[in-house]
C-alpha atoms as a PDB file:
ATOM      1  CA  UNK A   1       6.961  36.456   5.727  1.00  0.00           C
ATOM      2  CA  UNK A   2       8.270  39.644   3.846  1.00  0.00           C
ATOM      3  CA  UNK A   3       4.700  40.988   4.279  1.00  0.00           C
ATOM      4  CA  UNK A   4       5.194  40.404   7.692  1.00  0.00           C
ATOM      5  CA  UNK A   5       8.355  42.104   8.164  1.00  0.00           C
ATOM      6  CA  UNK A   6       6.801  45.086   6.525  1.00  0.00           C
ATOM      7  CA  UNK A   7       3.683  45.245   9.035  1.00  0.00           C
ATOM      8  CA  UNK A   8       6.816  45.185  11.813  1.00  0.00           C
ATOM      9  CA  UNK A   9       8.480  47.854  10.434  1.00  0.00           C
ATOM     10  CA  UNK A  10       5.192  50.174  10.054  1.00  0.00           C
ATOM     11  CA  UNK A  11       3.710  49.189  13.357  1.00  0.00           C
ATOM     12  CA  UNK A  12       7.265  50.284  14.981  1.00  0.00           C
ATOM     13  CA  UNK A  13       6.996  53.707  13.096  1.00  0.00           C
ATOM     14  CA  UNK A  14       3.033  54.382  14.150  1.00  0.00           C
ATOM     15  CA  UNK A  15       4.519  53.535  17.714  1.00  0.00           C
ATOM     16  CA  UNK A  16       7.363  56.090  17.537  1.00  0.00           C
ATOM     17  CA  UNK A  17       5.240  58.411  16.015  1.00  0.00           C
ATOM     18  CA  UNK A  18       1.716  58.101  18.553  1.00  0.00           C
ATOM     19  CA  UNK A  19       5.079  58.942  21.231  1.00  0.00           C
ATOM     20  CA  UNK A  20       5.825  62.003  20.281  1.00  0.00           C
ATOM     21  CA  UNK A  21       2.196  63.425  20.012  1.00  0.00           C
ATOM     22  CA  UNK A  22       2.006  64.363  23.637  1.00  0.00           C
ATOM     23  CA  UNK A  23       5.186  66.480  23.539  1.00  0.00           C
ATOM     24  CA  UNK A  24       3.372  67.927  20.261  1.00  0.00           C
ATOM     25  CA  UNK A  25       0.110  69.365  21.787  1.00  0.00           C
ATOM     26  CA  UNK A  26       1.181  72.537  24.063  1.00  0.00           C
ATOM     27  CA  UNK A  27      -1.549  71.352  26.784  1.00  0.00           C
ATOM     28  CA  UNK A  28      -2.804  69.255  29.632  1.00  0.00           C
ATOM     29  CA  UNK A  29      -6.085  68.091  27.898  1.00  0.00           C
ATOM     30  CA  UNK A  30      -3.994  66.691  25.043  1.00  0.00           C
ATOM     31  CA  UNK A  31      -1.407  65.466  26.626  1.00  0.00           C
ATOM     32  CA  UNK A  32      -3.556  63.189  28.622  1.00  0.00           C
ATOM     33  CA  UNK A  33      -5.557  62.298  25.862  1.00  0.00           C
ATOM     34  CA  UNK A  34      -2.642  61.652  23.306  1.00  0.00           C
ATOM     35  CA  UNK A  35      -0.950  59.467  26.355  1.00  0.00           C
ATOM     36  CA  UNK A  36      -4.277  57.498  26.836  1.00  0.00           C
ATOM     37  CA  UNK A  37      -3.990  57.375  22.784  1.00  0.00           C
ATOM     38  CA  UNK A  38      -0.538  55.512  22.331  1.00  0.00           C
ATOM     39  CA  UNK A  39      -1.486  52.791  25.197  1.00  0.00           C
ATOM     40  CA  UNK A  40      -4.531  51.682  23.543  1.00  0.00           C
ATOM     41  CA  UNK A  41      -2.986  51.481  20.550  1.00  0.00           C
ATOM     42  CA  UNK A  42      -0.078  50.070  21.138  1.00  0.00           C
ATOM     43  CA  UNK A  43      -2.599  47.067  22.295  1.00  0.00           C
ATOM     44  CA  UNK A  44      -4.120  47.303  19.167  1.00  0.00           C
ATOM     45  CA  UNK A  45      -1.126  47.677  16.609  1.00  0.00           C
ATOM     46  CA  UNK A  46       0.757  45.383  18.143  1.00  0.00           C
ATOM     47  CA  UNK A  47      -1.936  42.480  17.482  1.00  0.00           C
ATOM     48  CA  UNK A  48      -1.847  42.726  14.105  1.00  0.00           C
ATOM     49  CA  UNK A  49       1.959  41.773  14.293  1.00  0.00           C
ATOM     50  CA  UNK A  50       1.046  38.039  15.787  1.00  0.00           C
ATOM     51  CA  UNK A  51       2.084  39.987  19.802  1.00  0.00           C
ATOM     52  CA  UNK A  52      -0.767  39.437  22.297  1.00  0.00           C
ATOM     53  CA  UNK A  53      -0.799  42.955  24.330  1.00  0.00           C
ATOM     54  CA  UNK A  54       1.229  44.137  26.702  1.00  0.00           C
ATOM     55  CA  UNK A  55       1.714  40.877  28.522  1.00  0.00           C
ATOM     56  CA  UNK A  56       3.523  40.051  25.747  1.00  0.00           C
ATOM     57  CA  UNK A  57       5.800  43.107  25.783  1.00  0.00           C
ATOM     58  CA  UNK A  58       7.024  42.247  29.142  1.00  0.00           C
ATOM     59  CA  UNK A  59       4.763  44.342  30.946  1.00  0.00           C
ATOM     60  CA  UNK A  60       3.113  42.116  33.493  1.00  0.00           C
ATOM     61  CA  UNK A  61       2.572  41.357  37.119  1.00  0.00           C
ATOM     62  CA  UNK A  62       4.230  38.652  38.648  1.00  0.00           C
ATOM     63  CA  UNK A  63       5.355  37.969  41.951  1.00  0.00           C
ATOM     64  CA  UNK A  64       9.113  40.555  42.254  1.00  0.00           C
ATOM     65  CA  UNK A  65       7.560  43.259  40.069  1.00  0.00           C
ATOM     66  CA  UNK A  66       6.538  46.121  42.675  1.00  0.00           C
ATOM     67  CA  UNK A  67      10.686  44.852  44.220  1.00  0.00           C
ATOM     68  CA  UNK A  68      11.809  45.428  40.435  1.00  0.00           C
ATOM     69  CA  UNK A  69      10.218  49.142  40.211  1.00  0.00           C
ATOM     70  CA  UNK A  70      10.962  50.200  43.417  1.00  0.00           C
ATOM     71  CA  UNK A  71      14.636  49.436  43.342  1.00  0.00           C
ATOM     72  CA  UNK A  72      14.699  50.632  39.366  1.00  0.00           C
ATOM     73  CA  UNK A  73      13.251  54.284  40.430  1.00  0.00           C
ATOM     74  CA  UNK A  74      15.695  54.791  43.466  1.00  0.00           C
ATOM     75  CA  UNK A  75      18.456  54.090  41.070  1.00  0.00           C
ATOM     76  CA  UNK A  76      17.338  56.019  38.691  1.00  0.00           C
ATOM     77  CA  UNK A  77      17.001  58.882  41.124  1.00  0.00           C
ATOM     78  CA  UNK A  78      19.832  58.353  42.594  1.00  0.00           C
ATOM     79  CA  UNK A  79      21.637  58.522  38.933  1.00  0.00           C
ATOM     80  CA  UNK A  80      20.790  62.032  38.236  1.00  0.00           C
ATOM     81  CA  UNK A  81      20.907  63.416  41.838  1.00  0.00           C
ATOM     82  CA  UNK A  82      24.731  62.718  41.820  1.00  0.00           C
ATOM     83  CA  UNK A  83      24.971  64.479  38.151  1.00  0.00           C
ATOM     84  CA  UNK A  84      22.865  67.482  40.149  1.00  0.00           C
ATOM     85  CA  UNK A  85      25.191  67.298  43.432  1.00  0.00           C
ATOM     86  CA  UNK A  86      28.438  67.393  40.903  1.00  0.00           C
ATOM     87  CA  UNK A  87      27.532  70.094  38.641  1.00  0.00           C
ATOM     88  CA  UNK A  88      26.152  72.612  42.677  1.00  0.00           C
ATOM     89  CA  UNK A  89      29.721  71.187  44.069  1.00  0.00           C
ATOM     90  CA  UNK A  90      31.607  73.009  40.594  1.00  0.00           C
ATOM     91  CA  UNK A  91      28.707  75.581  40.925  1.00  0.00           C
ATOM     92  CA  UNK A  92      28.100  74.872  37.602  1.00  0.00           C
ATOM     93  CA  UNK A  93      24.312  74.706  38.207  1.00  0.00           C
ATOM     94  CA  UNK A  94      22.293  76.137  41.277  1.00  0.00           C
ATOM     95  CA  UNK A  95      19.045  75.966  42.108  1.00  0.00           C
ATOM     96  CA  UNK A  96      15.795  78.252  43.108  1.00  0.00           C
ATOM     97  CA  UNK A  97      14.311  78.545  46.222  1.00  0.00           C
ATOM     98  CA  UNK A  98      10.087  79.031  45.642  1.00  0.00           C
ATOM     99  CA  UNK A  99       6.760  78.268  46.632  1.00  0.00           C
ATOM    100  CA  UNK A 100       5.397  74.831  48.500  1.00  0.00           C
ATOM    101  CA  UNK A 101       2.635  74.864  45.486  1.00  0.00           C
ATOM    102  CA  UNK A 102       5.173  75.545  42.618  1.00  0.00           C
ATOM    103  CA  UNK A 103       6.826  72.468  43.705  1.00  0.00           C
ATOM    104  CA  UNK A 104       4.177  70.873  43.866  1.00  0.00           C
ATOM    105  CA  UNK A 105       2.737  72.018  40.237  1.00  0.00           C
ATOM    106  CA  UNK A 106       6.352  70.812  39.532  1.00  0.00           C
ATOM    107  CA  UNK A 107       6.283  67.180  40.763  1.00  0.00           C
ATOM    108  CA  UNK A 108       3.100  66.543  39.355  1.00  0.00           C
ATOM    109  CA  UNK A 109       4.469  67.675  35.890  1.00  0.00           C
ATOM    110  CA  UNK A 110       7.456  65.428  36.507  1.00  0.00           C
ATOM    111  CA  UNK A 111       5.815  62.408  37.515  1.00  0.00           C
ATOM    112  CA  UNK A 112       3.459  62.722  34.263  1.00  0.00           C
ATOM    113  CA  UNK A 113       5.798  63.500  31.939  1.00  0.00           C
ATOM    114  CA  UNK A 114       8.186  61.028  33.672  1.00  0.00           C
ATOM    115  CA  UNK A 115       6.155  58.068  33.782  1.00  0.00           C
ATOM    116  CA  UNK A 116       4.371  58.366  30.440  1.00  0.00           C
ATOM    117  CA  UNK A 117       8.098  58.801  28.964  1.00  0.00           C
ATOM    118  CA  UNK A 118       9.195  55.487  30.381  1.00  0.00           C
ATOM    119  CA  UNK A 119       6.659  53.485  29.913  1.00  0.00           C
ATOM    120  CA  UNK A 120       5.900  54.308  25.990  1.00  0.00           C
ATOM    121  CA  UNK A 121      10.091  53.885  25.403  1.00  0.00           C
ATOM    122  CA  UNK A 122      10.098  50.784  27.303  1.00  0.00           C
ATOM    123  CA  UNK A 123       7.316  49.305  25.693  1.00  0.00           C
ATOM    124  CA  UNK A 124       9.181  50.698  21.962  1.00  0.00           C
ATOM    125  CA  UNK A 125      12.654  49.850  22.642  1.00  0.00           C
ATOM    126  CA  UNK A 126      12.565  46.910  24.567  1.00  0.00           C
ATOM    127  CA  UNK A 127       9.256  45.266  24.472  1.00  0.00           C
ATOM    128  CA  UNK A 128       8.096  45.627  20.524  1.00  0.00           C
ATOM    129  CA  UNK A 129      12.084  45.538  19.626  1.00  0.00           C
ATOM    130  CA  UNK A 130      13.275  43.343  21.543  1.00  0.00           C
ATOM    131  CA  UNK A 131       9.747  40.908  20.776  1.00  0.00           C
ATOM    132  CA  UNK A 132      10.462  41.477  16.888  1.00  0.00           C
ATOM    133  CA  UNK A 133      14.204  40.919  16.622  1.00  0.00           C
ATOM    134  CA  UNK A 134      14.601  37.643  19.149  1.00  0.00           C
ATOM    135  CA  UNK A 135      14.949  34.461  17.202  1.00  0.00           C
ATOM    136  CA  UNK A 136      16.435  36.327  14.184  1.00  0.00           C
ATOM    137  CA  UNK A 137      19.603  38.194  15.579  1.00  0.00           C
ATOM    138  CA  UNK A 138      21.946  37.583  18.349  1.00  0.00           C
ATOM    139  CA  UNK A 139      21.328  39.548  21.700  1.00  0.00           C
ATOM    140  CA  UNK A 140      24.823  41.538  21.197  1.00  0.00           C
ATOM    141  CA  UNK A 141      23.320  42.398  17.900  1.00  0.00           C
ATOM    142  CA  UNK A 142      19.818  43.305  19.233  1.00  0.00           C
ATOM    143  CA  UNK A 143      21.338  45.330  21.950  1.00  0.00           C
ATOM    144  CA  UNK A 144      23.108  47.659  19.404  1.00  0.00           C
ATOM    145  CA  UNK A 145      20.221  47.730  16.761  1.00  0.00           C
ATOM    146  CA  UNK A 146      17.874  49.100  20.170  1.00  0.00           C
ATOM    147  CA  UNK A 147      20.683  51.464  20.989  1.00  0.00           C
ATOM    148  CA  UNK A 148      20.960  52.932  17.780  1.00  0.00           C
ATOM    149  CA  UNK A 149      17.306  53.006  17.391  1.00  0.00           C
ATOM    150  CA  UNK A 150      17.058  55.061  20.583  1.00  0.00           C
ATOM    151  CA  UNK A 151      19.312  57.310  20.173  1.00  0.00           C
ATOM    152  CA  UNK A 152      18.527  58.254  16.700  1.00  0.00           C
ATOM    153  CA  UNK A 153      14.523  58.499  18.980  1.00  0.00           C
ATOM    154  CA  UNK A 154      15.798  61.631  20.460  1.00  0.00           C
ATOM    155  CA  UNK A 155      17.220  63.055  17.204  1.00  0.00           C
ATOM    156  CA  UNK A 156      14.375  65.989  17.418  1.00  0.00           C
ATOM    157  CA  UNK A 157      16.331  67.213  20.669  1.00  0.00           C
ATOM    158  CA  UNK A 158      19.139  67.714  17.415  1.00  0.00           C
ATOM    159  CA  UNK A 159      21.935  70.234  18.220  1.00  0.00           C
ATOM    160  CA  UNK A 160      22.428  69.307  21.659  1.00  0.00           C
ATOM    161  CA  UNK A 161      26.304  68.635  22.486  1.00  0.00           C
ATOM    162  CA  UNK A 162      28.203  65.372  21.874  1.00  0.00           C
ATOM    163  CA  UNK A 163      28.121  63.868  25.233  1.00  0.00           C
ATOM    164  CA  UNK A 164      24.027  64.089  24.954  1.00  0.00           C
ATOM    165  CA  UNK A 165      24.035  61.416  22.246  1.00  0.00           C
ATOM    166  CA  UNK A 166      26.765  59.458  24.154  1.00  0.00           C
ATOM    167  CA  UNK A 167      24.377  59.446  27.082  1.00  0.00           C
ATOM    168  CA  UNK A 168      21.494  57.830  25.051  1.00  0.00           C
ATOM    169  CA  UNK A 169      23.254  55.003  23.899  1.00  0.00           C
ATOM    170  CA  UNK A 170      24.965  54.312  27.221  1.00  0.00           C
ATOM    171  CA  UNK A 171      21.082  54.162  28.856  1.00  0.00           C
ATOM    172  CA  UNK A 172      19.716  52.523  25.944  1.00  0.00           C
ATOM    173  CA  UNK A 173      22.405  49.547  27.513  1.00  0.00           C
ATOM    174  CA  UNK A 174      21.050  50.481  31.025  1.00  0.00           C
ATOM    175  CA  UNK A 175      17.367  50.021  30.407  1.00  0.00           C
ATOM    176  CA  UNK A 176      17.973  46.622  27.880  1.00  0.00           C
ATOM    177  CA  UNK A 177      20.415  44.684  30.407  1.00  0.00           C
ATOM    178  CA  UNK A 178      17.626  44.185  32.639  1.00  0.00           C
ATOM    179  CA  UNK A 179      14.792  43.105  30.586  1.00  0.00           C
ATOM    180  CA  UNK A 180      17.344  40.798  28.621  1.00  0.00           C
ATOM    181  CA  UNK A 181      17.550  39.120  32.192  1.00  0.00           C
ATOM    182  CA  UNK A 182      14.326  39.526  33.622  1.00  0.00           C
ATOM    183  CA  UNK A 183      11.748  38.746  30.467  1.00  0.00           C
ATOM    184  CA  UNK A 184      10.369  42.087  32.484  1.00  0.00           C
ATOM    185  CA  UNK A 185       9.630  45.700  31.793  1.00  0.00           C
ATOM    186  CA  UNK A 186       9.648  46.898  35.057  1.00  0.00           C
ATOM    187  CA  UNK A 187      12.985  47.264  36.577  1.00  0.00           C
ATOM    188  CA  UNK A 188      13.626  49.349  33.475  1.00  0.00           C
ATOM    189  CA  UNK A 189      10.450  51.201  33.439  1.00  0.00           C
ATOM    190  CA  UNK A 190      11.841  52.219  37.418  1.00  0.00           C
ATOM    191  CA  UNK A 191      15.310  53.155  36.056  1.00  0.00           C
ATOM    192  CA  UNK A 192      13.827  55.571  33.303  1.00  0.00           C
ATOM    193  CA  UNK A 193      11.048  57.025  35.555  1.00  0.00           C
ATOM    194  CA  UNK A 194      13.173  57.773  38.499  1.00  0.00           C
ATOM    195  CA  UNK A 195      16.030  59.259  36.168  1.00  0.00           C
ATOM    196  CA  UNK A 196      13.456  61.214  34.073  1.00  0.00           C
ATOM    197  CA  UNK A 197      11.948  62.619  37.563  1.00  0.00           C
ATOM    198  CA  UNK A 198      14.786  63.942  39.116  1.00  0.00           C
ATOM    199  CA  UNK A 199      16.114  65.226  36.224  1.00  0.00           C
ATOM    200  CA  UNK A 200      12.985  67.598  35.066  1.00  0.00           C
ATOM    201  CA  UNK A 201      12.990  68.710  38.894  1.00  0.00           C
ATOM    202  CA  UNK A 202      16.563  69.720  39.145  1.00  0.00           C
ATOM    203  CA  UNK A 203      17.922  69.639  36.023  1.00  0.00           C
ATOM    204  CA  UNK A 204      15.674  71.443  33.685  1.00  0.00           C
ATOM    205  CA  UNK A 205      13.871  75.269  33.914  1.00  0.00           C
ATOM    206  CA  UNK A 206      10.678  73.437  33.958  1.00  0.00           C
ATOM    207  CA  UNK A 207      11.531  72.369  37.738  1.00  0.00           C
ATOM    208  CA  UNK A 208      13.922  74.302  40.254  1.00  0.00           C
ATOM    209  CA  UNK A 209      17.049  74.441  38.092  1.00  0.00           C
ATOM    210  CA  UNK A 210      17.520  78.775  38.683  1.00  0.00           C
ATOM    211  CA  UNK A 211      20.673  79.326  36.203  1.00  0.00           C
ATOM    212  CA  UNK A 212      20.468  79.869  33.183  1.00  0.00           C
ATOM    213  CA  UNK A 213      20.830  76.865  30.787  1.00  0.00           C
ATOM    214  CA  UNK A 214      23.339  78.282  28.121  1.00  0.00           C
ATOM    215  CA  UNK A 215      25.592  76.505  25.681  1.00  0.00           C
ATOM    216  CA  UNK A 216      28.364  76.376  28.110  1.00  0.00           C
ATOM    217  CA  UNK A 217      26.087  74.610  30.933  1.00  0.00           C
ATOM    218  CA  UNK A 218      24.282  72.446  28.738  1.00  0.00           C
ATOM    219  CA  UNK A 219      27.675  70.712  27.886  1.00  0.00           C
ATOM    220  CA  UNK A 220      29.102  70.834  31.533  1.00  0.00           C
ATOM    221  CA  UNK A 221      25.779  69.559  31.985  1.00  0.00           C
ATOM    222  CA  UNK A 222      26.261  66.635  29.553  1.00  0.00           C
ATOM    223  CA  UNK A 223      29.541  65.651  29.779  1.00  0.00           C
ATOM    224  CA  UNK A 224      28.938  65.022  33.900  1.00  0.00           C
ATOM    225  CA  UNK A 225      25.343  63.142  32.407  1.00  0.00           C
ATOM    226  CA  UNK A 226      27.891  60.796  30.479  1.00  0.00           C
ATOM    227  CA  UNK A 227      30.028  60.228  33.035  1.00  0.00           C
ATOM    228  CA  UNK A 228      27.910  58.952  36.010  1.00  0.00           C
ATOM    229  CA  UNK A 229      25.758  57.144  32.808  1.00  0.00           C
ATOM    230  CA  UNK A 230      28.890  54.820  32.305  1.00  0.00           C
ATOM    231  CA  UNK A 231      29.272  54.492  35.888  1.00  0.00           C
ATOM    232  CA  UNK A 232      25.372  53.423  36.293  1.00  0.00           C
ATOM    233  CA  UNK A 233      26.372  50.861  33.664  1.00  0.00           C
ATOM    234  CA  UNK A 234      29.017  49.238  35.231  1.00  0.00           C
ATOM    235  CA  UNK A 235      27.004  49.037  38.415  1.00  0.00           C
ATOM    236  CA  UNK A 236      24.095  47.759  36.516  1.00  0.00           C
ATOM    237  CA  UNK A 237      26.527  45.165  34.811  1.00  0.00           C
ATOM    238  CA  UNK A 238      28.049  43.851  37.638  1.00  0.00           C
ATOM    239  CA  UNK A 239      24.336  43.703  39.804  1.00  0.00           C
ATOM    240  CA  UNK A 240      23.294  41.740  36.750  1.00  0.00           C
ATOM    241  CA  UNK A 241      25.513  39.252  36.520  1.00  0.00           C
ATOM    242  CA  UNK A 242      25.841  38.361  40.566  1.00  0.00           C
ATOM    243  CA  UNK A 243      22.006  38.541  41.185  1.00  0.00           C
ATOM    244  CA  UNK A 244      20.253  38.087  37.573  1.00  0.00           C
ATOM    245  CA  UNK A 245      17.818  41.208  38.993  1.00  0.00           C
ATOM    246  CA  UNK A 246      16.640  38.132  41.382  1.00  0.00           C
ATOM    247  CA  UNK A 247      14.704  36.597  38.418  1.00  0.00           C
ATOM    248  CA  UNK A 248      11.723  37.180  37.520  1.00  0.00           C
END
């Protein structure tokens, strides 16, 4: 049993490393190849610890998977769009006018980057971690551990102001609650993808953001984002409690 526990930790560490690789290699081909490697590696690695592929991690098709995915995407997009609206209302950020060709490139970049991030992080932190801890700890402890691990996962971004770390912690709860209820990753993936997609398009220099991301601007963006994250958490909690997210 102790040996299996050590294997589960080792698999978790390898999955984390594989999820970082696409962002370390500064090339499109490198991103695609390492993204494929992550998913292939995930399928193979989880079998080492007696998890039967992606289905056991919560990634499977069921009658409401499409509804949950699209609903999640819309909620995620709306989340960061609200952040953008608040920031522009107070003249903290602006976006640039650009060509349709550049907009198309930005959208493609955002789709692939947000897509990989959403699937990879949800498979690891909601799928694998929950599957590993369930049956050993209460849900409260599982959620707390996931929030801590998810926040620590973003340590390569060390140097960001406090509100970003608050946001990571809160968003970990937002992503985890739907998975606990539906036993499916689709709603969580949708929220994660929608939020990241809108963030890349509207709030980064790789997207349409024209304002220089000074320390002051970054901190203000962080506090607004953290505040809206708490609102989103409240919304998800109420919806989850009242509708059970429509079940599976």
